[in-house]
Protein backbone atom coordinates (compact mmCIF):
# COMPACT_ATOMS: atom_id res chain seq x y z
CA MET A 1 -76.45 29.79 -23.83
CA LYS A 2 -78.69 30.93 -21.02
CA MET A 3 -81.36 28.48 -19.92
CA ILE A 4 -84.54 29.25 -17.98
CA ASP A 5 -86.51 26.25 -16.76
CA CYS A 6 -90.06 27.61 -16.69
CA SER A 7 -91.61 24.80 -14.66
CA CYS A 8 -90.01 23.27 -11.57
CA ALA A 9 -91.54 22.23 -8.26
CA ILE A 10 -90.09 21.93 -4.79
CA GLY A 11 -91.40 20.28 -1.66
CA TYR A 12 -92.19 16.62 -1.09
CA LYS A 13 -95.56 15.47 -2.40
CA THR A 14 -97.88 13.79 0.05
CA LEU A 15 -97.82 10.66 -2.14
CA ASN A 16 -94.76 9.26 -3.87
CA TYR A 17 -95.80 5.73 -4.79
CA GLU A 18 -98.47 4.06 -6.89
CA VAL A 19 -101.93 4.58 -5.41
CA VAL A 20 -105.44 5.32 -6.63
CA ASN A 21 -107.66 7.14 -4.14
CA HIS A 22 -111.39 7.88 -4.20
CA GLU A 23 -110.84 10.79 -6.61
CA HIS A 24 -108.77 8.65 -9.01
CA LEU A 25 -105.44 10.30 -8.24
CA LEU A 26 -102.76 8.03 -9.67
CA VAL A 27 -99.07 8.44 -8.83
CA ARG A 28 -97.21 5.99 -11.01
CA GLU A 29 -93.60 6.09 -9.91
CA LYS A 30 -91.25 7.12 -7.17
CA VAL A 31 -89.19 10.09 -8.33
CA LYS A 32 -86.35 12.19 -6.97
CA GLN A 33 -87.80 15.34 -5.42
CA ALA A 34 -86.25 18.58 -4.15
CA ARG A 35 -87.21 19.19 -0.54
CA ASP A 36 -86.17 22.85 -0.63
CA ALA A 37 -84.44 25.57 -2.66
CA GLU A 38 -81.00 24.22 -1.90
CA GLU A 39 -81.79 20.81 -3.36
CA LEU A 40 -83.42 22.35 -6.45
CA LEU A 41 -80.43 24.65 -7.01
CA ALA A 42 -78.16 21.60 -6.94
CA GLU A 43 -80.24 20.04 -9.73
CA LEU A 44 -80.19 23.26 -11.74
CA ASP A 45 -76.43 23.62 -11.32
CA PHE A 46 -75.83 20.05 -12.45
CA CYS A 47 -77.74 20.75 -15.68
CA GLY A 48 -76.39 24.26 -16.28
CA ILE A 49 -79.75 26.02 -15.76
CA ALA A 50 -79.50 29.72 -14.89
CA GLN A 51 -83.02 30.36 -13.59
CA ALA A 52 -86.23 28.48 -12.88
CA VAL A 53 -89.89 29.30 -12.36
CA VAL A 54 -90.85 27.49 -9.18
CA SER A 55 -94.04 26.16 -7.63
CA HIS A 56 -94.47 24.24 -4.38
CA ASN A 57 -96.21 20.87 -4.23
CA ALA A 58 -98.15 21.99 -1.16
CA MET A 59 -100.17 24.30 -3.44
CA ALA A 60 -102.08 21.30 -4.77
CA ASP A 61 -101.44 18.63 -2.15
CA VAL A 62 -102.04 20.57 1.08
CA ASP A 63 -103.43 24.12 0.82
CA PRO A 64 -102.97 26.88 -1.78
CA ASP A 65 -102.29 29.65 0.74
CA TYR A 66 -99.77 27.50 2.58
CA GLY A 67 -98.05 26.48 -0.67
CA ASN A 68 -97.88 30.08 -1.87
CA ARG A 69 -96.22 31.13 1.39
CA LEU A 70 -93.73 28.28 1.20
CA VAL A 71 -92.66 29.01 -2.37
CA VAL A 72 -91.96 32.65 -1.48
CA GLU A 73 -89.87 31.56 1.51
CA GLU A 74 -87.84 29.14 -0.59
CA THR A 75 -87.30 31.33 -3.66
CA ALA A 76 -86.18 34.20 -1.41
CA LYS A 77 -83.05 32.15 -0.73
CA ALA A 78 -81.90 32.77 -4.33
CA PRO A 79 -84.08 35.56 -5.81
CA ASP A 80 -81.76 36.06 -8.78
CA ARG A 81 -82.30 32.45 -9.86
CA LEU A 82 -85.63 31.21 -8.51
CA LEU A 83 -88.82 32.92 -9.70
CA PRO A 84 -91.91 32.21 -7.58
CA SER A 85 -95.29 31.28 -9.04
CA TRP A 86 -98.55 31.16 -7.08
CA THR A 87 -101.74 29.20 -7.44
CA ILE A 88 -105.23 30.76 -7.38
CA LEU A 89 -108.66 30.12 -5.87
CA PRO A 90 -112.10 31.64 -6.57
CA PRO A 91 -112.43 35.13 -5.03
CA VAL A 92 -116.09 34.40 -4.26
CA THR A 93 -114.93 32.11 -1.44
CA GLU A 94 -111.43 33.45 -0.72
CA ARG A 95 -111.34 37.22 -1.12
CA GLN A 96 -107.56 37.35 -0.90
CA TYR A 97 -107.63 36.10 -4.51
CA ALA A 98 -109.66 39.05 -5.78
CA PRO A 99 -107.48 41.12 -8.14
CA GLU A 100 -107.41 44.16 -5.84
CA ALA A 101 -105.87 42.02 -3.10
CA LEU A 102 -103.93 39.44 -5.12
CA PHE A 103 -102.08 41.75 -7.50
CA PRO A 104 -100.49 43.99 -4.79
CA ALA A 105 -99.45 40.84 -2.91
CA MET A 106 -97.91 39.43 -6.08
CA LYS A 107 -96.00 42.65 -6.70
CA GLU A 108 -94.75 42.75 -3.12
CA ASN A 109 -93.47 39.16 -3.33
CA GLY A 110 -92.06 39.28 -6.87
CA VAL A 111 -94.64 36.89 -8.30
CA LYS A 112 -95.39 37.24 -12.04
CA LEU A 113 -96.85 33.83 -12.91
CA LEU A 114 -99.89 31.92 -11.68
CA ARG A 115 -101.10 28.32 -11.66
CA ALA A 116 -104.49 26.69 -11.36
CA TYR A 117 -105.36 23.25 -10.00
CA PRO A 118 -109.16 23.33 -10.27
CA GLN A 119 -109.78 19.63 -9.84
CA ARG A 120 -107.40 19.24 -6.90
CA ASN A 121 -108.63 22.42 -5.19
CA ARG A 122 -112.30 21.72 -6.02
CA TYR A 123 -113.53 24.62 -8.14
CA MET A 124 -114.54 25.35 -11.72
CA LEU A 125 -112.13 27.32 -13.89
CA ASN A 126 -114.72 29.33 -15.82
CA ARG A 127 -116.46 32.69 -15.98
CA VAL A 128 -119.18 31.71 -13.51
CA ALA A 129 -116.72 30.85 -10.73
CA MET A 130 -113.65 32.89 -11.68
CA GLY A 131 -114.68 35.58 -14.15
CA GLU A 132 -113.59 38.54 -12.02
CA LEU A 133 -110.10 37.14 -11.52
CA LEU A 134 -109.53 35.58 -14.93
CA SER A 135 -110.51 38.78 -16.74
CA ALA A 136 -108.01 40.76 -14.68
CA VAL A 137 -105.29 38.13 -15.15
CA SER A 138 -105.85 38.27 -18.90
CA ASP A 139 -105.71 42.07 -18.99
CA ALA A 140 -102.53 42.13 -16.92
CA ARG A 141 -100.87 39.58 -19.25
CA ILE A 142 -100.06 37.30 -16.33
CA PRO A 143 -99.16 33.80 -17.59
CA LEU A 144 -101.36 31.04 -16.16
CA PHE A 145 -99.97 27.49 -16.04
CA LEU A 146 -102.57 24.81 -16.77
CA SER A 147 -102.31 21.04 -17.05
CA PRO A 148 -104.75 18.74 -18.87
CA SER A 149 -103.74 15.83 -16.63
CA GLU A 150 -107.36 15.41 -15.49
CA GLY A 151 -108.98 16.36 -18.79
CA TRP A 152 -108.57 18.74 -21.73
CA GLU A 153 -112.05 20.22 -21.50
CA PRO A 154 -111.19 22.82 -18.81
CA VAL A 155 -108.26 24.08 -20.92
CA TYR A 156 -110.43 24.44 -24.02
CA ASP A 157 -113.32 25.92 -22.05
CA VAL A 158 -111.34 28.64 -20.27
CA LEU A 159 -109.69 29.74 -23.52
CA GLN A 160 -113.06 29.90 -25.26
CA GLU A 161 -114.31 32.24 -22.54
CA PHE A 162 -111.06 34.22 -22.21
CA PRO A 163 -109.40 34.08 -25.65
CA GLU A 164 -106.74 36.69 -24.77
CA LEU A 165 -105.63 34.82 -21.64
CA THR A 166 -101.93 33.92 -21.58
CA VAL A 167 -101.80 30.17 -20.91
CA ILE A 168 -98.73 27.97 -20.56
CA LEU A 169 -99.60 24.29 -20.96
CA CYS A 170 -97.63 21.90 -18.75
CA ASN A 171 -97.68 18.26 -17.65
CA TYR A 172 -99.58 17.02 -20.70
CA GLY A 173 -97.99 13.58 -21.02
CA LEU A 174 -95.37 11.94 -23.22
CA TRP A 175 -97.71 10.60 -25.90
CA SER A 176 -98.30 12.74 -28.98
CA HIS A 177 -100.41 15.77 -28.14
CA ALA A 178 -100.65 17.33 -31.62
CA ARG A 179 -104.38 16.70 -32.18
CA LEU A 180 -105.13 18.43 -28.88
CA THR A 181 -102.56 21.24 -28.82
CA PHE A 182 -102.36 22.27 -32.49
CA PRO A 183 -105.95 23.58 -32.55
CA LEU A 184 -105.13 25.69 -29.49
CA LEU A 185 -101.90 26.99 -31.02
CA ARG A 186 -103.82 27.89 -34.19
CA SER A 187 -106.73 29.58 -32.42
CA TYR A 188 -105.20 31.46 -29.47
CA LYS A 189 -102.21 33.72 -29.96
CA ASN A 190 -101.34 33.73 -26.26
CA PHE A 191 -101.30 29.95 -25.87
CA TYR A 192 -97.86 28.48 -25.15
CA ILE A 193 -96.44 25.07 -24.33
CA GLU A 194 -93.56 24.27 -22.03
CA THR A 195 -91.43 21.51 -23.47
CA GLY A 196 -91.00 19.18 -20.49
CA ASP A 197 -93.10 16.34 -21.91
CA MET A 198 -92.05 16.97 -25.51
CA GLN A 199 -89.67 14.02 -25.68
CA ALA A 200 -90.77 12.33 -28.92
CA ALA A 201 -88.57 12.79 -31.98
CA GLY A 202 -89.38 15.84 -34.08
CA GLU A 203 -92.06 17.42 -31.88
CA ILE A 204 -90.19 20.65 -31.12
CA LYS A 205 -89.03 21.07 -34.70
CA GLU A 206 -92.53 20.46 -36.08
CA ILE A 207 -94.12 23.09 -33.84
CA CYS A 208 -91.41 25.60 -34.73
CA GLY A 209 -92.14 24.99 -38.41
CA LYS A 210 -95.92 25.24 -38.10
CA PHE A 211 -96.40 27.91 -35.43
CA GLY A 212 -93.00 29.47 -34.74
CA SER A 213 -90.50 29.00 -31.94
CA GLU A 214 -92.12 31.90 -30.07
CA ARG A 215 -94.86 29.53 -28.84
CA LEU A 216 -92.60 27.20 -26.85
CA LEU A 217 -90.78 27.65 -23.54
CA PHE A 218 -88.18 25.31 -22.16
CA GLY A 219 -89.39 23.59 -19.02
CA SER A 220 -88.56 20.30 -17.39
CA GLU A 221 -91.65 19.84 -15.19
CA PHE A 222 -89.20 18.62 -12.52
CA PRO A 223 -89.66 16.37 -10.59
CA SER A 224 -92.15 14.65 -12.91
CA ASN A 225 -89.22 14.58 -15.31
CA ALA A 226 -85.52 14.73 -14.55
CA ILE A 227 -84.21 18.00 -15.99
CA GLY A 228 -81.68 16.30 -18.26
CA GLY A 229 -84.22 14.57 -20.50
CA PRO A 230 -86.13 17.66 -21.67
CA LEU A 231 -82.85 19.58 -21.90
CA ALA A 232 -81.30 16.95 -24.17
CA CYS A 233 -84.43 16.87 -26.35
CA LEU A 234 -84.32 20.63 -26.84
CA LEU A 235 -80.59 20.82 -27.55
CA GLY A 236 -80.84 17.88 -29.95
CA SER A 237 -83.99 19.03 -31.73
CA GLY A 238 -82.19 20.21 -34.85
CA ILE A 239 -83.74 23.69 -34.88
CA LYS A 240 -81.95 26.92 -35.77
CA GLN A 241 -79.89 28.74 -33.17
CA GLU A 242 -82.32 31.66 -33.10
CA GLU A 243 -85.22 29.27 -32.46
CA LEU A 244 -83.21 27.50 -29.77
CA GLU A 245 -82.53 30.76 -27.95
CA ASN A 246 -86.20 31.76 -28.13
CA ILE A 247 -87.25 28.55 -26.42
CA ALA A 248 -84.31 28.44 -24.00
CA PHE A 249 -84.82 31.88 -22.46
CA LYS A 250 -86.03 34.69 -24.72
CA ASN A 251 -89.71 33.74 -24.76
CA ALA A 252 -89.81 33.44 -20.97
CA GLU A 253 -88.11 36.81 -20.54
CA ARG A 254 -90.55 38.39 -23.00
CA LEU A 255 -93.61 37.04 -21.18
CA LEU A 256 -92.28 38.17 -17.81
CA GLY A 257 -91.60 41.62 -19.25
CA GLU A 258 -95.20 41.93 -20.46
CA VAL A 259 -96.75 41.41 -17.02
CA SER A 260 -98.43 44.54 -15.63
CA LEU A 261 -99.14 44.61 -11.89
């Protein structure tokens, strides 16, 4: 069965040990990271993963423009397997992120997915700061990866303001998330969850039963997780073969096919 990992990162993070800085950034463990495309491909090959959506840690740790350039350089080494994703900034301060500039650049570089790190990159993810861009992203059906790692309020707020926005939730933690994600799954038809942190018994099967397998995408969130853990949880989830295929690759291919640039 084909597998697409919808959330991998390359590049060494600036911190890889336990530390709390003045903005309360906590890195809790030293993990194996992929320095470049070659090292990530070795991890994917070991786990039998055909393709991966890739970000670069420099997007959040160093500079968004720099990270976006690096991820294009690395994914170009294996364009049939590595799919680049970019991060965004407010067009009011960086005009290269206005839709009329960003979308042609995305098309030229084969980018169909976006990410936002508002806390790390110091902006507000709302209509006041980002309305021009977020409206266009929603209309173009471009998936936007968001993490609640520094709070769930921005995720809820942006969906309230842009209810048609396609959001893929990632890096949400290993503890049960049902009370926080189920309301979003119920309320917003274009809200999805990647399964990297879904490693508690029965989570995947429960969501399939309540909301359908179409709302989940396989992702490891490597290197926060080793790829094998989320992969084993999906394959051992006890869901039907059709549901398994949806999560493994069909949902990702459908979302990519809906993007209009």
